[in-house]
Amino acid sequence: MMLLRYFLFLLLLLNVSACIPYKIAPNYSEGKVVKGKKFIKTFKNRYVFAFNDPKEANAFYTYINYKFQTSYDDDLGNVPIRIEDELAYLTFYELEKTTETYNLFPMMVDGVLSERGVDPVLESQYNSRSGNWYIVMTLTDESGTDCLRPSHSLQERSVAYLQTLRKEYLRTSQYNELLFVKQH
């Protein structure tokens, strides 16, 4: 009976600690202003507005092109927008962040098998990786200053604008509907 309890405790412990994450993708489903270096190392002194993108690749590009009646340029990016009569420039990126884990159970099984002279069979399962896609946006004023910086006079209004943009993008399935929506 004592051996059975020990075995059940060991199985429970193994089940709880079988996967150890060493890299965790953040959850920005509601959108969040964060330091840019979390996504792009060259943005170490900039702030970005990021949110999880559940849609297909390039859907945000299509959305922006319809909404602003433009052809978004990946190299320059700067889409001119107005935030309460102030001109600002929007640039965005589709980026992936991953969650990566060490899986202890396959390692232990292969360890037991190797003690019995069997080659590893679960070696490809030692690590697992799953990705989340994000839309990451920057916003600059006419002088090139980061509008998402906490000290910027447009910061609160910029975040509110980007939140509205995020919500509209996520609820719109046919982007040509945007041609009939009044732009501000």
Protein backbone atom coordinates (compact mmCIF):
# COMPACT_ATOMS: atom_id res chain seq x y z
CA MET A 1 0.00 0.00 0.00
CA MET A 2 2.85 2.37 0.85
CA LEU A 3 4.51 1.66 -2.50
CA LEU A 4 1.27 2.49 -4.34
CA ARG A 5 1.00 5.84 -2.52
CA TYR A 6 4.60 6.61 -3.35
CA PHE A 7 3.99 5.73 -7.01
CA LEU A 8 0.82 7.90 -7.18
CA PHE A 9 2.64 10.80 -5.53
CA LEU A 10 5.48 10.44 -8.02
CA LEU A 11 3.01 10.42 -10.94
CA LEU A 12 1.25 13.51 -9.58
CA LEU A 13 4.56 15.31 -9.11
CA LEU A 14 5.67 14.33 -12.60
CA ASN A 15 2.38 15.48 -14.10
CA VAL A 16 2.56 18.87 -12.37
CA SER A 17 6.20 19.54 -13.22
CA ALA A 18 6.46 17.78 -16.58
CA CYS A 19 6.71 21.02 -18.59
CA ILE A 20 8.99 23.83 -17.52
CA PRO A 21 8.52 27.03 -19.51
CA TYR A 22 11.70 28.97 -20.19
CA LYS A 23 10.23 31.52 -22.58
CA ILE A 24 6.65 32.76 -22.26
CA ALA A 25 4.76 34.78 -24.88
CA PRO A 26 2.81 37.63 -23.25
CA ASN A 27 -0.95 37.97 -23.42
CA TYR A 28 -1.87 41.37 -24.84
CA SER A 29 -5.38 40.48 -25.98
CA GLU A 30 -6.69 43.81 -24.69
CA GLY A 31 -3.78 45.79 -26.14
CA LYS A 32 -1.00 47.35 -24.09
CA VAL A 33 1.69 50.00 -24.34
CA VAL A 34 5.07 48.40 -23.64
CA LYS A 35 8.71 49.21 -24.24
CA GLY A 36 9.55 48.43 -27.84
CA LYS A 37 12.63 46.36 -27.01
CA LYS A 38 10.28 43.53 -25.92
CA PHE A 39 9.48 43.04 -29.61
CA ILE A 40 12.19 44.70 -31.67
CA LYS A 41 15.62 45.26 -30.14
CA THR A 42 16.21 48.43 -32.20
CA PHE A 43 13.24 50.02 -30.41
CA LYS A 44 15.02 50.04 -27.06
CA ASN A 45 14.09 53.68 -26.33
CA ARG A 46 10.63 53.62 -27.94
CA TYR A 47 7.21 52.56 -26.79
CA VAL A 48 4.83 50.43 -28.84
CA PHE A 49 1.18 49.49 -28.65
CA ALA A 50 0.89 45.71 -29.00
CA PHE A 51 -2.03 43.30 -29.15
CA ASN A 52 -2.59 39.63 -29.94
CA ASP A 53 -3.62 39.08 -33.55
CA PRO A 54 -5.97 36.11 -33.97
CA LYS A 55 -6.49 36.72 -37.69
CA GLU A 56 -4.66 35.40 -40.74
CA ALA A 57 -1.29 36.79 -41.83
CA ASN A 58 -1.44 40.19 -43.54
CA ALA A 59 -5.05 40.84 -42.43
CA PHE A 60 -3.98 44.00 -40.60
CA TYR A 61 -2.22 45.28 -43.74
CA THR A 62 -5.47 44.81 -45.68
CA TYR A 63 -7.43 46.51 -42.90
CA ILE A 64 -5.09 49.55 -42.88
CA ASN A 65 -5.16 49.81 -46.68
CA TYR A 66 -8.97 49.88 -46.72
CA LYS A 67 -9.36 52.10 -43.67
CA PHE A 68 -6.93 54.79 -44.78
CA GLN A 69 -7.31 54.27 -48.54
CA THR A 70 -3.58 53.72 -48.91
CA SER A 71 -1.09 51.12 -50.02
CA TYR A 72 0.94 50.41 -46.91
CA ASP A 73 4.67 50.41 -47.54
CA ASP A 74 6.64 47.99 -45.35
CA ASP A 75 9.84 49.99 -45.74
CA LEU A 76 8.57 53.45 -44.81
CA GLY A 77 5.36 52.53 -43.08
CA ASN A 78 4.28 55.96 -41.94
CA VAL A 79 0.51 56.14 -42.44
CA PRO A 80 -0.64 59.70 -41.68
CA ILE A 81 -3.52 59.83 -39.17
CA ARG A 82 -5.24 62.55 -37.18
CA ILE A 83 -5.72 62.43 -33.44
CA GLU A 84 -7.94 65.35 -32.47
CA ASP A 85 -6.61 67.60 -35.26
CA GLU A 86 -2.99 66.64 -34.57
CA LEU A 87 -1.09 64.88 -37.35
CA ALA A 88 0.68 61.66 -36.37
CA TYR A 89 2.28 58.79 -38.25
CA LEU A 90 1.38 55.15 -37.65
CA THR A 91 3.77 52.30 -38.38
CA PHE A 92 3.03 48.67 -37.56
CA TYR A 93 4.54 45.22 -37.68
CA GLU A 94 3.23 41.65 -37.50
CA LEU A 95 5.52 39.78 -35.12
CA GLU A 96 5.60 36.40 -33.45
CA LYS A 97 6.56 35.68 -29.84
CA THR A 98 6.85 32.10 -28.68
CA THR A 99 6.29 30.08 -25.55
CA GLU A 100 8.96 27.42 -25.23
CA THR A 101 9.10 24.64 -22.66
CA TYR A 102 11.31 21.78 -21.56
CA ASN A 103 9.28 18.58 -21.34
CA LEU A 104 10.66 16.42 -18.54
CA PHE A 105 8.49 13.35 -19.06
CA PRO A 106 9.97 12.38 -22.48
CA MET A 107 13.47 12.98 -21.07
CA MET A 108 12.76 10.67 -18.13
CA VAL A 109 11.26 7.95 -20.34
CA ASP A 110 14.32 8.06 -22.62
CA GLY A 111 16.55 7.98 -19.53
CA VAL A 112 14.86 4.80 -18.29
CA LEU A 113 15.03 3.27 -21.77
CA SER A 114 18.72 4.12 -22.17
CA GLU A 115 19.47 2.32 -18.87
CA ARG A 116 17.96 -0.74 -20.50
CA GLY A 117 20.06 -0.33 -23.65
CA VAL A 118 17.34 1.19 -25.86
CA ASP A 119 18.12 4.26 -27.97
CA PRO A 120 16.12 7.45 -27.21
CA VAL A 121 12.71 7.42 -28.94
CA LEU A 122 11.23 10.68 -27.65
CA GLU A 123 14.19 12.96 -28.26
CA SER A 124 12.18 15.24 -30.56
CA GLN A 125 9.70 15.85 -27.72
CA TYR A 126 12.20 17.29 -25.21
CA ASN A 127 11.25 20.86 -26.15
CA SER A 128 7.94 22.27 -27.34
CA ARG A 129 7.19 25.60 -28.91
CA SER A 130 3.97 27.46 -29.61
CA GLY A 131 3.69 30.91 -31.08
CA ASN A 132 1.42 33.92 -30.73
CA TRP A 133 1.18 36.62 -33.36
CA TYR A 134 1.02 40.29 -32.45
CA ILE A 135 0.35 43.59 -34.15
CA VAL A 136 2.93 46.05 -32.85
CA MET A 137 2.34 49.74 -33.64
CA THR A 138 4.43 52.86 -33.23
CA LEU A 139 3.04 56.37 -33.39
CA THR A 140 5.11 59.51 -33.94
CA ASP A 141 4.16 63.15 -34.18
CA GLU A 142 5.24 65.53 -36.97
CA SER A 143 8.62 66.11 -35.34
CA GLY A 144 9.28 62.36 -35.08
CA THR A 145 8.72 62.17 -31.32
CA ASP A 146 7.26 58.98 -29.85
CA CYS A 147 3.57 59.72 -29.07
CA LEU A 148 3.34 56.63 -26.83
CA ARG A 149 6.04 57.85 -24.45
CA PRO A 150 4.35 58.50 -21.06
CA SER A 151 5.55 62.13 -21.01
CA HIS A 152 4.16 62.99 -24.48
CA SER A 153 1.17 65.37 -24.51
CA LEU A 154 -0.73 63.09 -26.94
CA GLN A 155 -0.01 59.85 -25.06
CA GLU A 156 -3.46 59.22 -23.54
CA ARG A 157 -5.31 60.22 -26.70
CA SER A 158 -2.91 58.13 -28.81
CA VAL A 159 -3.54 55.03 -26.71
CA ALA A 160 -7.30 55.61 -26.89
CA TYR A 161 -7.06 55.98 -30.68
CA LEU A 162 -5.03 52.78 -31.05
CA GLN A 163 -7.47 50.90 -28.78
CA THR A 164 -10.33 52.02 -31.04
CA LEU A 165 -8.34 50.92 -34.09
CA ARG A 166 -7.67 47.51 -32.49
CA LYS A 167 -11.33 46.96 -31.63
CA GLU A 168 -12.50 47.97 -35.10
CA TYR A 169 -9.95 45.65 -36.73
CA LEU A 170 -10.94 42.68 -34.57
CA ARG A 171 -14.69 43.07 -35.13
CA THR A 172 -14.48 43.78 -38.89
CA SER A 173 -14.46 40.76 -41.15
CA GLN A 174 -15.11 42.40 -44.52
CA TYR A 175 -12.71 45.32 -44.80
CA ASN A 176 -14.55 46.89 -47.69
CA GLU A 177 -17.22 47.78 -45.05
CA LEU A 178 -14.75 50.42 -43.91
CA LEU A 179 -15.29 52.38 -47.11
CA PHE A 180 -18.73 53.32 -45.77
CA VAL A 181 -17.60 54.22 -42.24
CA LYS A 182 -16.89 57.89 -41.50
CA GLN A 183 -13.17 58.29 -40.86
CA HIS A 184 -11.89 60.66 -38.17
